[in-house]
Protein backbone atom coordinates (compact mmCIF):
# COMPACT_ATOMS: atom_id res chain seq x y z
CA MET A 1 -29.56 -37.80 -74.20
CA ILE A 2 -28.49 -39.85 -77.19
CA ALA A 3 -31.44 -38.00 -79.45
CA LEU A 4 -30.32 -34.52 -77.72
CA ILE A 5 -26.32 -35.43 -78.89
CA LEU A 6 -27.32 -36.43 -82.59
CA LEU A 7 -29.64 -32.92 -82.95
CA SER A 8 -26.90 -30.69 -81.59
CA MET A 9 -24.76 -32.55 -84.70
CA ARG A 10 -27.58 -32.59 -87.46
CA PHE A 11 -28.43 -28.59 -87.19
CA GLY A 12 -25.83 -25.72 -87.83
CA SER A 13 -25.37 -22.90 -89.69
CA VAL A 14 -24.78 -25.15 -92.74
CA PHE A 15 -27.67 -27.07 -94.06
CA ILE A 16 -27.32 -31.04 -93.77
CA ASP A 17 -30.52 -32.80 -94.48
CA GLY A 18 -30.99 -35.89 -93.05
CA LYS A 19 -29.79 -38.72 -95.44
CA SER A 20 -26.65 -36.71 -96.17
CA PHE A 21 -26.27 -36.29 -92.28
CA LEU A 22 -26.51 -40.14 -91.90
CA SER A 23 -24.02 -41.25 -94.77
CA ALA A 24 -21.69 -38.71 -93.38
CA LEU A 25 -21.79 -39.93 -89.37
CA PHE A 26 -20.67 -42.71 -90.53
CA ARG A 27 -18.73 -41.55 -93.92
CA ARG A 28 -19.81 -42.91 -96.30
CA GLU A 29 -18.28 -41.99 -100.14
CA GLY A 30 -19.07 -38.69 -101.23
CA PHE A 31 -19.92 -36.80 -98.19
CA ALA A 32 -16.65 -35.37 -96.52
CA ALA A 33 -17.09 -31.88 -96.98
CA GLN A 34 -20.05 -32.89 -94.41
CA SER A 35 -18.18 -35.50 -92.56
CA ALA A 36 -15.48 -32.07 -92.18
CA ILE A 37 -18.76 -30.16 -90.92
CA ILE A 38 -19.84 -32.22 -88.73
CA TYR A 39 -16.52 -34.39 -86.96
CA THR A 40 -14.53 -30.51 -86.67
CA LEU A 41 -17.19 -28.46 -86.02
CA ARG A 42 -20.43 -30.04 -84.48
CA LEU A 43 -18.78 -32.94 -82.60
CA PRO A 44 -16.12 -30.98 -80.56
CA ARG A 45 -19.16 -28.32 -79.85
CA THR A 46 -21.50 -30.81 -78.54
CA VAL A 47 -18.81 -32.49 -76.42
CA ALA A 48 -18.04 -28.91 -75.22
CA GLY A 49 -21.27 -28.72 -74.48
CA ILE A 50 -21.74 -31.53 -72.29
CA LEU A 51 -19.02 -31.01 -70.55
CA ALA A 52 -19.58 -27.65 -69.22
CA GLY A 53 -22.80 -28.90 -68.13
CA ALA A 54 -21.13 -31.62 -66.70
CA GLY A 55 -18.77 -29.58 -64.59
CA LEU A 56 -21.82 -26.77 -63.78
CA GLY A 57 -23.85 -29.87 -62.01
CA LEU A 58 -20.57 -31.28 -60.31
CA SER A 59 -19.89 -27.31 -58.85
CA GLY A 60 -23.50 -27.38 -57.84
CA VAL A 61 -23.02 -31.03 -56.05
CA LEU A 62 -19.96 -29.79 -54.40
CA LEU A 63 -21.22 -26.15 -52.96
CA GLN A 64 -24.56 -27.77 -51.59
CA SER A 65 -22.73 -30.58 -50.09
CA VAL A 66 -19.69 -28.47 -48.76
CA THR A 67 -22.35 -25.71 -47.15
CA ASP A 68 -24.59 -28.11 -46.06
CA ASN A 69 -27.28 -26.02 -48.24
CA LYS A 70 -29.33 -27.65 -50.66
CA MET A 71 -30.72 -23.98 -51.92
CA ALA A 72 -26.92 -22.98 -52.54
CA SER A 73 -26.58 -20.60 -54.59
CA PRO A 74 -23.38 -18.56 -55.74
CA GLY A 75 -25.54 -15.81 -55.51
CA LEU A 76 -26.26 -16.75 -51.74
CA ILE A 77 -22.82 -17.36 -51.24
CA GLY A 78 -20.95 -14.28 -51.88
CA VAL A 79 -19.36 -15.67 -55.12
CA ASN A 80 -21.15 -13.38 -57.99
CA SER A 81 -20.30 -10.29 -55.01
CA GLY A 82 -16.40 -11.83 -55.25
CA ALA A 83 -16.04 -12.49 -58.90
CA GLY A 84 -17.44 -8.94 -59.55
CA PHE A 85 -15.61 -6.74 -56.61
CA ALA A 86 -12.42 -8.44 -58.57
CA VAL A 87 -13.52 -7.20 -62.25
CA ILE A 88 -14.48 -3.87 -60.84
CA LEU A 89 -10.66 -3.35 -58.93
CA ALA A 90 -8.71 -5.45 -62.11
CA LEU A 91 -10.67 -2.24 -64.31
CA THR A 92 -9.60 0.11 -62.19
CA VAL A 93 -5.99 -0.32 -62.04
CA GLY A 94 -5.80 -0.80 -65.43
CA ILE A 95 -5.38 -4.72 -66.36
CA PRO A 96 -6.37 -5.40 -69.90
CA TYR A 97 -9.62 -7.28 -70.74
CA ALA A 98 -8.47 -10.44 -71.20
CA ILE A 99 -7.19 -10.82 -67.98
CA LEU A 100 -10.44 -10.05 -66.38
CA PRO A 101 -11.99 -14.11 -66.29
CA PHE A 102 -9.08 -14.77 -64.47
CA ALA A 103 -9.77 -12.00 -61.92
CA ALA A 104 -12.96 -12.94 -61.45
CA PHE A 105 -12.40 -16.57 -61.00
CA ALA A 106 -9.65 -15.46 -58.28
CA GLY A 107 -12.15 -12.99 -56.57
CA ALA A 108 -14.95 -15.84 -56.64
CA PHE A 109 -12.41 -17.77 -55.15
CA ILE A 110 -11.18 -15.76 -52.22
CA ALA A 111 -14.52 -14.81 -51.20
CA THR A 112 -15.75 -18.54 -50.91
CA ILE A 113 -12.68 -19.54 -49.16
CA SER A 114 -12.48 -16.60 -46.79
CA ALA A 115 -16.08 -16.94 -45.84
CA ILE A 116 -15.51 -20.46 -45.19
CA ASN A 117 -12.17 -20.09 -43.19
CA ILE A 118 -14.32 -17.40 -40.75
CA SER A 119 -17.46 -19.42 -40.29
CA TRP A 120 -15.09 -22.37 -39.37
CA VAL A 121 -15.58 -23.34 -35.75
CA PRO A 122 -14.11 -26.90 -34.85
CA SER A 123 -16.22 -28.16 -32.14
CA SER A 124 -19.48 -26.58 -33.75
CA SER A 125 -19.47 -25.79 -37.47
CA THR A 126 -23.31 -25.87 -38.45
CA CYS A 127 -25.06 -24.38 -41.62
CA LEU A 128 -26.38 -21.59 -39.92
CA THR A 129 -23.41 -19.94 -38.76
CA LEU A 130 -21.25 -21.07 -42.42
CA HIS A 131 -24.61 -19.29 -43.88
CA SER A 132 -24.73 -15.54 -41.94
CA ILE A 133 -21.34 -15.42 -42.72
CA GLN A 134 -21.71 -15.84 -46.41
CA ARG A 135 -24.46 -13.56 -46.68
CA GLY A 136 -22.98 -10.72 -44.55
CA LEU A 137 -19.69 -10.92 -46.68
CA SER A 138 -21.52 -11.17 -49.99
CA SER A 139 -23.57 -8.05 -48.60
CA ILE A 140 -19.83 -6.21 -47.75
CA ILE A 141 -18.65 -7.04 -50.89
CA GLY A 142 -21.81 -5.97 -52.81
CA THR A 143 -21.64 -2.24 -51.40
CA PHE A 144 -18.41 -1.63 -52.85
CA THR A 145 -19.93 -3.04 -56.18
CA LEU A 146 -23.56 -1.60 -56.12
CA ASP A 147 -24.36 -5.44 -56.54
CA ALA A 148 -26.38 -5.34 -52.93
């Protein structure tokens, strides 16, 4: 992992050779430009990539835990269809393009919460019931977006 982090910080659109990279990494005298590139551009890019990967991994674990299905994926339970429907609805209404990611998130969230609430039976909530409701909801939403 550390090697991949160093490689991510080493390579970019501006070439920095190995010796200059190590000198700039430890902020040695005479390598201010390379240090600025590494610490202001490449390090934040690397940290953002690590955080995004951790977030995706965490969301996958939560999705599989909530549905009690080790093969659960966003497309399987209606998240993709809900997001697509919300984006198409937002475009139809005339919402600005800058708002579309928020509309997609809201649609995905509403589809997921709807599926969980519809399938919730206090005495016997099984994975099969949840999975069936989610597939049905995904198919219904998919018919509106031609995603089915």
